[in-house]
């Protein structure tokens, strides 16, 4: 009873959704809903008693979670290798004074960066595939709840992953070319 006013206000905001809201607006609404609902000890019972649109709330939570996962993956992919994350400029030439293979430290750094790149790529692929798999049913559910979800975010996340892979491959090729020159 103490949260009826907040819940009624939240219900009005959920019922006002018409599919034209920007994704960040949906995320803010989800955060506000979570803030209000975290104070309830028995959320499902209270929401049922107040005839709250639970299906709409769950659709909002799902849409916001999908978007957050896609944005998180895309951000990690975009930032990998751009701010000296991949620090393989060129192999060190300090072996025995006559040139030689890259130092083992540089080679180790290269393989660690390779593993990080693969981890991020795998994460992006699995997140995109999972959302793509439920895209059809989610699109219907989101439309029925008045939630506009931008499924082109999947493509943008995949593009960010491909761009990251390309950056890493260019760096790896440069590493190999530099190592070959030292022989």
N, C-alpha and C. Protein backbone atom coordinates (compact mmCIF):
# COMPACT_ATOMS: atom_id res chain seq x y z
N UNK A 1 0.82 -1.21 0.00
CA UNK A 1 0.00 0.00 0.00
C UNK A 1 0.86 1.27 0.00
N UNK A 2 2.05 1.16 0.57
CA UNK A 2 2.88 2.36 0.65
C UNK A 2 3.45 2.77 -0.70
N UNK A 3 3.51 1.84 -1.66
CA UNK A 3 4.11 2.14 -2.96
C UNK A 3 3.06 2.25 -4.06
N UNK A 4 1.78 2.32 -3.70
CA UNK A 4 0.71 2.34 -4.70
C UNK A 4 0.83 3.53 -5.65
N UNK A 5 1.18 4.69 -5.13
CA UNK A 5 1.31 5.87 -5.98
C UNK A 5 2.41 5.72 -7.02
N UNK A 6 3.58 5.23 -6.56
CA UNK A 6 4.70 5.02 -7.48
C UNK A 6 4.35 3.97 -8.53
N UNK A 7 3.70 2.90 -8.09
CA UNK A 7 3.35 1.82 -9.01
C UNK A 7 2.30 2.29 -10.01
N UNK A 8 1.35 3.11 -9.56
CA UNK A 8 0.34 3.65 -10.47
C UNK A 8 1.00 4.56 -11.52
N UNK A 9 1.97 5.35 -11.09
CA UNK A 9 2.71 6.22 -12.01
C UNK A 9 3.49 5.38 -13.02
N UNK A 10 4.13 4.32 -12.53
CA UNK A 10 4.88 3.41 -13.41
C UNK A 10 3.94 2.74 -14.40
N UNK A 11 2.78 2.33 -13.93
CA UNK A 11 1.79 1.69 -14.80
C UNK A 11 1.37 2.65 -15.92
N UNK A 12 1.15 3.92 -15.57
CA UNK A 12 0.76 4.91 -16.58
C UNK A 12 1.87 5.08 -17.62
N UNK A 13 3.12 5.09 -17.17
CA UNK A 13 4.24 5.24 -18.12
C UNK A 13 4.33 4.02 -19.04
N UNK A 14 4.13 2.83 -18.47
CA UNK A 14 4.17 1.61 -19.30
C UNK A 14 3.03 1.58 -20.30
N UNK A 15 1.86 2.00 -19.87
CA UNK A 15 0.70 1.98 -20.77
C UNK A 15 0.80 3.06 -21.84
N UNK A 16 1.63 4.07 -21.60
CA UNK A 16 1.81 5.14 -22.58
C UNK A 16 2.80 4.76 -23.69
N UNK A 17 3.48 3.63 -23.53
CA UNK A 17 4.43 3.21 -24.56
C UNK A 17 3.69 2.94 -25.87
N UNK A 18 4.23 3.51 -26.95
CA UNK A 18 3.57 3.34 -28.24
C UNK A 18 4.52 2.85 -29.34
N UNK A 19 5.71 2.46 -28.95
CA UNK A 19 6.65 1.93 -29.92
C UNK A 19 7.54 2.96 -30.57
N UNK A 20 7.42 4.20 -30.18
CA UNK A 20 8.22 5.25 -30.81
C UNK A 20 9.34 5.75 -29.90
N UNK A 21 9.45 5.20 -28.71
CA UNK A 21 10.47 5.66 -27.77
C UNK A 21 11.85 5.24 -28.22
N UNK A 22 12.80 6.06 -27.89
CA UNK A 22 14.20 5.75 -28.18
C UNK A 22 14.66 4.69 -27.20
N UNK A 23 15.61 3.89 -27.59
CA UNK A 23 16.08 2.78 -26.76
C UNK A 23 16.60 3.24 -25.40
N UNK A 24 17.25 4.40 -25.37
CA UNK A 24 17.75 4.90 -24.08
C UNK A 24 16.61 5.27 -23.16
N UNK A 25 15.51 5.75 -23.72
CA UNK A 25 14.33 6.05 -22.92
C UNK A 25 13.78 4.78 -22.29
N UNK A 26 13.77 3.71 -23.07
CA UNK A 26 13.30 2.42 -22.55
C UNK A 26 14.21 1.93 -21.42
N UNK A 27 15.51 2.10 -21.58
CA UNK A 27 16.44 1.67 -20.54
C UNK A 27 16.23 2.47 -19.26
N UNK A 28 15.99 3.77 -19.40
CA UNK A 28 15.74 4.59 -18.21
C UNK A 28 14.44 4.18 -17.53
N UNK A 29 13.42 3.88 -18.34
CA UNK A 29 12.15 3.44 -17.78
C UNK A 29 12.32 2.11 -17.07
N UNK A 30 13.07 1.19 -17.65
CA UNK A 30 13.34 -0.09 -16.99
C UNK A 30 14.06 0.12 -15.66
N UNK A 31 15.06 1.01 -15.66
CA UNK A 31 15.80 1.29 -14.42
C UNK A 31 14.89 1.89 -13.36
N UNK A 32 14.01 2.79 -13.78
CA UNK A 32 13.07 3.39 -12.84
C UNK A 32 12.12 2.32 -12.29
N UNK A 33 11.65 1.44 -13.16
CA UNK A 33 10.75 0.37 -12.72
C UNK A 33 11.46 -0.54 -11.72
N UNK A 34 12.70 -0.88 -11.99
CA UNK A 34 13.45 -1.74 -11.08
C UNK A 34 13.67 -1.06 -9.74
N UNK A 35 13.91 0.24 -9.77
CA UNK A 35 14.11 0.99 -8.52
C UNK A 35 12.84 0.97 -7.68
N UNK A 36 11.70 1.15 -8.33
CA UNK A 36 10.42 1.16 -7.61
C UNK A 36 10.08 -0.24 -7.11
N UNK A 37 10.26 -1.24 -7.96
CA UNK A 37 9.82 -2.60 -7.63
C UNK A 37 10.76 -3.34 -6.68
N UNK A 38 12.00 -2.86 -6.53
CA UNK A 38 12.92 -3.56 -5.63
C UNK A 38 12.48 -3.44 -4.18
N UNK A 39 11.65 -2.45 -3.87
CA UNK A 39 11.17 -2.25 -2.50
C UNK A 39 10.05 -3.21 -2.13
N UNK A 40 9.49 -3.90 -3.11
CA UNK A 40 8.38 -4.82 -2.84
C UNK A 40 8.94 -6.16 -2.38
N UNK A 41 8.33 -6.72 -1.34
CA UNK A 41 8.79 -8.02 -0.85
C UNK A 41 8.22 -9.16 -1.68
N UNK A 42 7.01 -9.01 -2.18
CA UNK A 42 6.38 -10.05 -3.00
C UNK A 42 5.86 -9.39 -4.27
N UNK A 43 6.79 -9.09 -5.17
CA UNK A 43 6.47 -8.34 -6.38
C UNK A 43 5.33 -8.95 -7.20
N UNK A 44 5.36 -10.23 -7.54
CA UNK A 44 4.29 -10.79 -8.38
C UNK A 44 2.90 -10.65 -7.75
N UNK A 45 2.80 -10.91 -6.46
CA UNK A 45 1.50 -10.82 -5.78
C UNK A 45 0.98 -9.39 -5.77
N UNK A 46 1.84 -8.44 -5.43
CA UNK A 46 1.44 -7.03 -5.38
C UNK A 46 1.02 -6.55 -6.76
N UNK A 47 1.78 -6.90 -7.78
CA UNK A 47 1.45 -6.46 -9.13
C UNK A 47 0.14 -7.07 -9.61
N UNK A 48 -0.11 -8.32 -9.26
CA UNK A 48 -1.39 -8.94 -9.64
C UNK A 48 -2.56 -8.26 -8.94
N UNK A 49 -2.38 -7.93 -7.66
CA UNK A 49 -3.45 -7.26 -6.91
C UNK A 49 -3.79 -5.91 -7.52
N UNK A 50 -2.79 -5.24 -8.07
CA UNK A 50 -3.00 -3.90 -8.65
C UNK A 50 -3.31 -3.96 -10.14
N UNK A 51 -3.52 -5.15 -10.68
CA UNK A 51 -3.78 -5.36 -12.12
C UNK A 51 -2.73 -4.67 -12.98
N UNK A 52 -1.49 -4.86 -12.59
CA UNK A 52 -0.36 -4.24 -13.27
C UNK A 52 -0.07 -4.99 -14.57
N UNK A 53 0.30 -4.28 -15.64
CA UNK A 53 0.61 -4.95 -16.92
C UNK A 53 1.96 -5.67 -16.86
N UNK A 54 1.95 -6.86 -16.25
CA UNK A 54 3.19 -7.60 -16.04
C UNK A 54 3.85 -8.03 -17.35
N UNK A 55 3.04 -8.39 -18.34
CA UNK A 55 3.60 -8.80 -19.63
C UNK A 55 4.36 -7.64 -20.28
N UNK A 56 3.82 -6.47 -20.15
CA UNK A 56 4.48 -5.28 -20.71
C UNK A 56 5.78 -5.00 -19.97
N UNK A 57 5.75 -5.16 -18.65
CA UNK A 57 6.96 -4.96 -17.85
C UNK A 57 8.03 -5.97 -18.23
N UNK A 58 7.66 -7.22 -18.39
CA UNK A 58 8.63 -8.25 -18.77
C UNK A 58 9.18 -7.99 -20.17
N UNK A 59 8.35 -7.51 -21.07
CA UNK A 59 8.82 -7.16 -22.42
C UNK A 59 9.81 -6.01 -22.35
N UNK A 60 9.51 -5.03 -21.50
CA UNK A 60 10.43 -3.90 -21.31
C UNK A 60 11.76 -4.39 -20.77
N UNK A 61 11.72 -5.26 -19.77
CA UNK A 61 12.95 -5.79 -19.19
C UNK A 61 13.76 -6.55 -20.24
N UNK A 62 13.08 -7.36 -21.03
CA UNK A 62 13.75 -8.15 -22.05
C UNK A 62 14.38 -7.27 -23.13
N UNK A 63 13.63 -6.29 -23.60
CA UNK A 63 14.14 -5.39 -24.64
C UNK A 63 15.35 -4.61 -24.13
N UNK A 64 15.27 -4.11 -22.92
CA UNK A 64 16.38 -3.34 -22.36
C UNK A 64 17.60 -4.24 -22.14
N UNK A 65 17.38 -5.46 -21.68
CA UNK A 65 18.50 -6.38 -21.47
C UNK A 65 19.17 -6.75 -22.80
N UNK A 66 18.36 -6.99 -23.83
CA UNK A 66 18.92 -7.29 -25.15
C UNK A 66 19.75 -6.13 -25.66
N UNK A 67 19.23 -4.93 -25.54
CA UNK A 67 19.96 -3.76 -26.02
C UNK A 67 21.25 -3.56 -25.23
N UNK A 68 21.16 -3.72 -23.90
CA UNK A 68 22.36 -3.57 -23.08
C UNK A 68 23.45 -4.56 -23.49
N UNK A 69 23.05 -5.81 -23.74
CA UNK A 69 24.03 -6.83 -24.14
C UNK A 69 24.66 -6.48 -25.48
N UNK A 70 23.85 -6.02 -26.44
CA UNK A 70 24.38 -5.66 -27.76
C UNK A 70 25.32 -4.46 -27.67
N UNK A 71 24.92 -3.46 -26.91
CA UNK A 71 25.76 -2.26 -26.78
C UNK A 71 27.06 -2.59 -26.06
N UNK A 72 26.99 -3.42 -25.03
CA UNK A 72 28.20 -3.82 -24.30
C UNK A 72 29.17 -4.55 -25.23
N UNK A 73 28.66 -5.47 -26.03
CA UNK A 73 29.53 -6.20 -26.97
C UNK A 73 30.13 -5.27 -28.01
N UNK A 74 29.30 -4.42 -28.58
CA UNK A 74 29.79 -3.49 -29.61
C UNK A 74 30.84 -2.54 -29.04
N UNK A 75 30.63 -2.08 -27.83
CA UNK A 75 31.58 -1.17 -27.20
C UNK A 75 32.92 -1.86 -26.95
N UNK A 76 32.87 -3.10 -26.47
CA UNK A 76 34.12 -3.85 -26.24
C UNK A 76 34.84 -4.08 -27.56
N UNK A 77 34.10 -4.42 -28.59
CA UNK A 77 34.72 -4.68 -29.90
C UNK A 77 35.31 -3.40 -30.48
N UNK A 78 34.61 -2.28 -30.33
CA UNK A 78 35.12 -1.02 -30.88
C UNK A 78 36.35 -0.54 -30.13
N UNK A 79 36.40 -0.78 -28.84
CA UNK A 79 37.53 -0.27 -28.06
C UNK A 79 38.75 -1.18 -28.12
N UNK A 80 38.58 -2.44 -28.49
CA UNK A 80 39.72 -3.36 -28.55
C UNK A 80 40.64 -2.96 -29.69
N UNK A 81 41.88 -2.74 -29.36
CA UNK A 81 42.89 -2.45 -30.38
C UNK A 81 42.97 -1.00 -30.81
N UNK A 82 42.14 -0.14 -30.25
CA UNK A 82 42.18 1.25 -30.68
C UNK A 82 42.96 2.13 -29.72
N UNK A 83 42.95 1.80 -28.44
CA UNK A 83 43.64 2.63 -27.46
C UNK A 83 44.82 1.85 -26.90
N UNK A 84 45.64 1.34 -27.80
CA UNK A 84 46.84 0.58 -27.43
C UNK A 84 46.48 -0.69 -26.65
N UNK A 85 45.27 -1.21 -26.87
CA UNK A 85 44.95 -2.50 -26.26
C UNK A 85 45.82 -3.55 -26.90
N UNK A 86 45.98 -3.48 -28.20
CA UNK A 86 46.89 -4.39 -28.90
C UNK A 86 48.22 -3.65 -29.00
N UNK A 87 49.15 -4.04 -28.18
CA UNK A 87 50.42 -3.31 -28.08
C UNK A 87 51.55 -4.04 -28.79
N UNK A 88 51.30 -4.49 -30.00
CA UNK A 88 52.31 -5.21 -30.75
C UNK A 88 52.80 -4.33 -31.88
N UNK A 89 53.41 -3.25 -31.59
CA UNK A 89 53.84 -2.35 -32.66
C UNK A 89 54.84 -3.04 -33.56
N UNK A 90 55.98 -3.41 -33.03
CA UNK A 90 56.95 -4.18 -33.81
C UNK A 90 57.81 -4.95 -32.83
N UNK A 91 58.26 -6.10 -33.24
CA UNK A 91 59.07 -6.92 -32.34
C UNK A 91 60.37 -6.22 -31.97
N UNK A 92 60.85 -6.54 -30.81
CA UNK A 92 62.10 -5.96 -30.33
C UNK A 92 63.28 -6.54 -31.13
N UNK A 93 64.28 -5.72 -31.38
CA UNK A 93 65.44 -6.17 -32.16
C UNK A 93 66.66 -6.34 -31.25
N UNK A 94 66.43 -6.71 -30.01
CA UNK A 94 67.55 -6.76 -29.07
C UNK A 94 68.02 -8.17 -28.78
N UNK A 95 67.97 -9.05 -29.75
CA UNK A 95 68.45 -10.41 -29.50
C UNK A 95 69.81 -10.59 -30.14
N UNK A 96 70.80 -10.82 -29.36
CA UNK A 96 72.18 -11.11 -29.74
C UNK A 96 72.83 -10.06 -30.64
N UNK A 97 72.26 -8.87 -30.73
CA UNK A 97 72.89 -7.78 -31.46
C UNK A 97 72.84 -7.89 -32.96
N UNK A 98 72.45 -9.02 -33.52
CA UNK A 98 72.46 -9.18 -34.98
C UNK A 98 71.05 -9.32 -35.54
N UNK A 99 70.09 -8.94 -34.78
CA UNK A 99 68.72 -9.18 -35.22
C UNK A 99 68.32 -10.56 -34.76
N UNK A 100 67.19 -11.05 -35.15
CA UNK A 100 66.75 -12.37 -34.75
C UNK A 100 65.25 -12.37 -34.55
N UNK A 101 64.75 -13.42 -33.99
CA UNK A 101 63.30 -13.52 -33.81
C UNK A 101 62.78 -12.52 -32.79
N UNK A 102 61.49 -12.25 -32.80
CA UNK A 102 60.93 -11.34 -31.81
C UNK A 102 61.15 -11.90 -30.41
N UNK A 103 61.19 -11.03 -29.44
CA UNK A 103 61.39 -11.49 -28.07
C UNK A 103 60.19 -12.31 -27.63
N UNK A 104 60.42 -13.19 -26.69
CA UNK A 104 59.33 -14.05 -26.22
C UNK A 104 58.27 -13.23 -25.51
N UNK A 105 58.66 -12.13 -24.88
CA UNK A 105 57.68 -11.26 -24.22
C UNK A 105 56.72 -10.66 -25.23
N UNK A 106 57.25 -10.19 -26.37
CA UNK A 106 56.41 -9.63 -27.43
C UNK A 106 55.50 -10.69 -28.03
N UNK A 107 56.04 -11.88 -28.22
CA UNK A 107 55.26 -12.98 -28.77
C UNK A 107 54.15 -13.36 -27.81
N UNK A 108 54.45 -13.42 -26.53
CA UNK A 108 53.44 -13.74 -25.52
C UNK A 108 52.33 -12.69 -25.53
N UNK A 109 52.71 -11.42 -25.62
CA UNK A 109 51.72 -10.34 -25.66
C UNK A 109 50.83 -10.51 -26.89
N UNK A 110 51.41 -10.89 -28.01
CA UNK A 110 50.65 -11.11 -29.23
C UNK A 110 49.61 -12.21 -29.03
N UNK A 111 50.01 -13.32 -28.42
CA UNK A 111 49.07 -14.42 -28.21
C UNK A 111 48.00 -14.08 -27.18
N UNK A 112 48.35 -13.32 -26.17
CA UNK A 112 47.35 -12.88 -25.19
C UNK A 112 46.32 -11.95 -25.85
N UNK A 113 46.80 -11.05 -26.70
CA UNK A 113 45.88 -10.17 -27.43
C UNK A 113 45.00 -10.98 -28.37
N UNK A 114 45.57 -11.99 -28.99
CA UNK A 114 44.81 -12.86 -29.87
C UNK A 114 43.69 -13.56 -29.09
N UNK A 115 44.02 -14.06 -27.91
CA UNK A 115 43.01 -14.74 -27.08
C UNK A 115 41.91 -13.76 -26.65
N UNK A 116 42.29 -12.54 -26.32
CA UNK A 116 41.30 -11.53 -25.93
C UNK A 116 40.38 -11.20 -27.10
N UNK A 117 40.97 -11.05 -28.27
CA UNK A 117 40.18 -10.76 -29.47
C UNK A 117 39.18 -11.88 -29.74
N UNK A 118 39.63 -13.12 -29.64
CA UNK A 118 38.73 -14.26 -29.86
C UNK A 118 37.63 -14.31 -28.83
N UNK A 119 37.95 -14.01 -27.58
CA UNK A 119 36.94 -14.00 -26.52
C UNK A 119 35.85 -12.97 -26.80
N UNK A 120 36.27 -11.78 -27.19
CA UNK A 120 35.31 -10.72 -27.50
C UNK A 120 34.49 -11.09 -28.72
N UNK A 121 35.14 -11.63 -29.73
CA UNK A 121 34.44 -12.05 -30.95
C UNK A 121 33.41 -13.13 -30.62
N UNK A 122 33.79 -14.12 -29.84
CA UNK A 122 32.86 -15.19 -29.45
C UNK A 122 31.67 -14.64 -28.67
N UNK A 123 31.95 -13.69 -27.77
CA UNK A 123 30.87 -13.08 -26.99
C UNK A 123 29.90 -12.34 -27.91
N UNK A 124 30.44 -11.56 -28.84
CA UNK A 124 29.58 -10.82 -29.77
C UNK A 124 28.73 -11.77 -30.61
N UNK A 125 29.35 -12.81 -31.12
CA UNK A 125 28.62 -13.77 -31.95
C UNK A 125 27.53 -14.46 -31.15
N UNK A 126 27.84 -14.91 -29.94
CA UNK A 126 26.84 -15.64 -29.16
C UNK A 126 25.68 -14.73 -28.75
N UNK A 127 25.96 -13.48 -28.39
CA UNK A 127 24.89 -12.55 -28.02
C UNK A 127 24.01 -12.25 -29.24
N UNK A 128 24.65 -11.95 -30.36
CA UNK A 128 23.89 -11.65 -31.58
C UNK A 128 23.06 -12.86 -32.02
N UNK A 129 23.64 -14.03 -31.98
CA UNK A 129 22.91 -15.23 -32.39
C UNK A 129 21.72 -15.51 -31.47
N UNK A 130 21.91 -15.32 -30.17
CA UNK A 130 20.82 -15.56 -29.22
C UNK A 130 19.66 -14.60 -29.46
N UNK A 131 19.96 -13.34 -29.70
CA UNK A 131 18.90 -12.36 -29.93
C UNK A 131 18.27 -12.59 -31.30
N UNK A 132 19.08 -12.93 -32.28
CA UNK A 132 18.58 -13.22 -33.62
C UNK A 132 17.63 -14.42 -33.60
N UNK A 133 17.95 -15.41 -32.78
CA UNK A 133 17.16 -16.63 -32.68
C UNK A 133 15.73 -16.35 -32.20
N UNK A 134 15.59 -15.39 -31.30
CA UNK A 134 14.26 -15.07 -30.75
C UNK A 134 13.67 -13.80 -31.36
N UNK A 135 14.29 -13.32 -32.42
CA UNK A 135 13.89 -12.04 -33.01
C UNK A 135 12.42 -12.01 -33.41
N UNK A 136 11.96 -13.05 -34.08
CA UNK A 136 10.59 -13.07 -34.58
C UNK A 136 9.57 -12.99 -33.45
N UNK A 137 9.74 -13.85 -32.45
CA UNK A 137 8.79 -13.85 -31.33
C UNK A 137 8.92 -12.58 -30.50
N UNK A 138 10.16 -12.11 -30.31
CA UNK A 138 10.36 -10.88 -29.55
C UNK A 138 9.75 -9.68 -30.27
N UNK A 139 9.89 -9.62 -31.58
CA UNK A 139 9.32 -8.50 -32.34
C UNK A 139 7.81 -8.43 -32.12
N UNK A 140 7.14 -9.57 -32.16
CA UNK A 140 5.69 -9.59 -31.93
C UNK A 140 5.35 -9.18 -30.51
N UNK A 141 6.11 -9.73 -29.56
CA UNK A 141 5.86 -9.42 -28.15
C UNK A 141 6.11 -7.95 -27.85
N UNK A 142 7.22 -7.41 -28.39
CA UNK A 142 7.53 -6.01 -28.15
C UNK A 142 6.49 -5.09 -28.80
N UNK A 143 6.05 -5.45 -30.01
CA UNK A 143 5.04 -4.64 -30.70
C UNK A 143 3.73 -4.65 -29.92
N UNK A 144 3.35 -5.80 -29.39
CA UNK A 144 2.11 -5.89 -28.61
C UNK A 144 2.20 -5.07 -27.33
N UNK A 145 3.41 -4.93 -26.79
CA UNK A 145 3.60 -4.17 -25.56
C UNK A 145 3.88 -2.70 -25.84
N UNK A 146 3.97 -2.32 -27.11
CA UNK A 146 4.24 -0.92 -27.45
C UNK A 146 5.69 -0.54 -27.27
N UNK A 147 6.57 -1.50 -27.38
CA UNK A 147 8.00 -1.25 -27.19
C UNK A 147 8.68 -1.35 -28.55
N UNK A 148 9.32 -0.28 -28.94
CA UNK A 148 10.05 -0.27 -30.20
C UNK A 148 11.48 -0.72 -29.96
N UNK A 149 11.86 -1.85 -30.54
CA UNK A 149 13.23 -2.35 -30.40
C UNK A 149 13.91 -2.27 -31.75
N UNK A 150 15.09 -1.69 -31.76
CA UNK A 150 15.85 -1.53 -33.00
C UNK A 150 16.71 -2.77 -33.24
N UNK A 151 16.18 -3.69 -34.05
CA UNK A 151 16.91 -4.93 -34.32
C UNK A 151 18.12 -4.70 -35.21
N UNK A 152 18.27 -3.50 -35.79
CA UNK A 152 19.47 -3.23 -36.57
C UNK A 152 20.70 -3.11 -35.66
N UNK A 153 20.47 -3.03 -34.36
CA UNK A 153 21.58 -3.02 -33.40
C UNK A 153 22.37 -4.33 -33.49
N UNK A 154 21.70 -5.40 -33.88
CA UNK A 154 22.39 -6.69 -34.06
C UNK A 154 23.43 -6.55 -35.17
N UNK A 155 23.04 -5.94 -36.28
CA UNK A 155 23.95 -5.76 -37.41
C UNK A 155 25.11 -4.85 -37.01
N UNK A 156 24.82 -3.79 -36.28
CA UNK A 156 25.89 -2.88 -35.86
C UNK A 156 26.89 -3.59 -34.93
N UNK A 157 26.38 -4.47 -34.09
CA UNK A 157 27.27 -5.22 -33.20
C UNK A 157 28.13 -6.18 -33.99
N UNK A 158 27.53 -6.85 -34.95
CA UNK A 158 28.31 -7.77 -35.81
C UNK A 158 29.37 -6.99 -36.59
N UNK A 159 29.02 -5.82 -37.10
CA UNK A 159 29.97 -5.01 -37.85
C UNK A 159 31.13 -4.56 -36.97
N UNK A 160 30.83 -4.22 -35.71
CA UNK A 160 31.90 -3.83 -34.78
C UNK A 160 32.84 -4.99 -34.53
N UNK A 161 32.29 -6.20 -34.42
CA UNK A 161 33.12 -7.39 -34.19
C UNK A 161 34.00 -7.67 -35.40
N UNK A 162 33.46 -7.52 -36.60
CA UNK A 162 34.24 -7.74 -37.81
C UNK A 162 35.34 -6.68 -37.93
N UNK A 163 35.02 -5.44 -37.61
CA UNK A 163 36.03 -4.37 -37.67
C UNK A 163 37.15 -4.64 -36.66
N UNK A 164 36.79 -5.12 -35.47
CA UNK A 164 37.80 -5.44 -34.47
C UNK A 164 38.71 -6.56 -34.99
N UNK A 165 38.11 -7.58 -35.58
CA UNK A 165 38.89 -8.69 -36.11
C UNK A 165 39.84 -8.20 -37.21
N UNK A 166 39.35 -7.31 -38.06
CA UNK A 166 40.19 -6.75 -39.11
C UNK A 166 41.37 -5.97 -38.55
N UNK A 167 41.10 -5.17 -37.51
CA UNK A 167 42.20 -4.41 -36.88
C UNK A 167 43.24 -5.37 -36.30
N UNK A 168 42.76 -6.40 -35.63
CA UNK A 168 43.70 -7.35 -35.04
C UNK A 168 44.50 -8.09 -36.11
N UNK A 169 43.84 -8.50 -37.18
CA UNK A 169 44.54 -9.21 -38.25
C UNK A 169 45.61 -8.33 -38.90
N UNK A 170 45.30 -7.05 -39.09
CA UNK A 170 46.32 -6.14 -39.65
C UNK A 170 47.52 -6.05 -38.71
N UNK A 171 47.25 -5.97 -37.42
CA UNK A 171 48.33 -5.91 -36.45
C UNK A 171 49.14 -7.20 -36.46
N UNK A 172 48.44 -8.33 -36.53
CA UNK A 172 49.13 -9.63 -36.56
C UNK A 172 49.98 -9.77 -37.82
N UNK A 173 49.47 -9.32 -38.95
CA UNK A 173 50.25 -9.37 -40.20
C UNK A 173 51.50 -8.52 -40.08
N UNK A 174 51.35 -7.35 -39.48
CA UNK A 174 52.51 -6.47 -39.30
C UNK A 174 53.53 -7.13 -38.39
N UNK A 175 53.05 -7.78 -37.34
CA UNK A 175 53.93 -8.50 -36.43
C UNK A 175 54.71 -9.57 -37.17
N UNK A 176 54.02 -10.35 -38.02
CA UNK A 176 54.67 -11.42 -38.79
C UNK A 176 55.68 -10.85 -39.79
N UNK A 177 55.30 -9.78 -40.45
CA UNK A 177 56.22 -9.15 -41.43
C UNK A 177 57.47 -8.64 -40.72
N UNK A 178 57.29 -8.00 -39.57
CA UNK A 178 58.44 -7.50 -38.81
C UNK A 178 59.33 -8.66 -38.35
N UNK A 179 58.71 -9.75 -37.93
CA UNK A 179 59.49 -10.91 -37.48
C UNK A 179 60.26 -11.51 -38.65
N UNK A 180 59.64 -11.55 -39.82
CA UNK A 180 60.31 -12.11 -41.01
C UNK A 180 61.49 -11.24 -41.41
N UNK A 181 61.36 -9.93 -41.29
CA UNK A 181 62.46 -9.01 -41.63
C UNK A 181 63.66 -9.19 -40.70
N UNK A 182 63.39 -9.61 -39.47
CA UNK A 182 64.48 -9.77 -38.51
C UNK A 182 65.29 -11.03 -38.74
N UNK A 183 64.81 -11.95 -39.52
CA UNK A 183 65.55 -13.21 -39.77
C UNK A 183 66.71 -13.01 -40.64
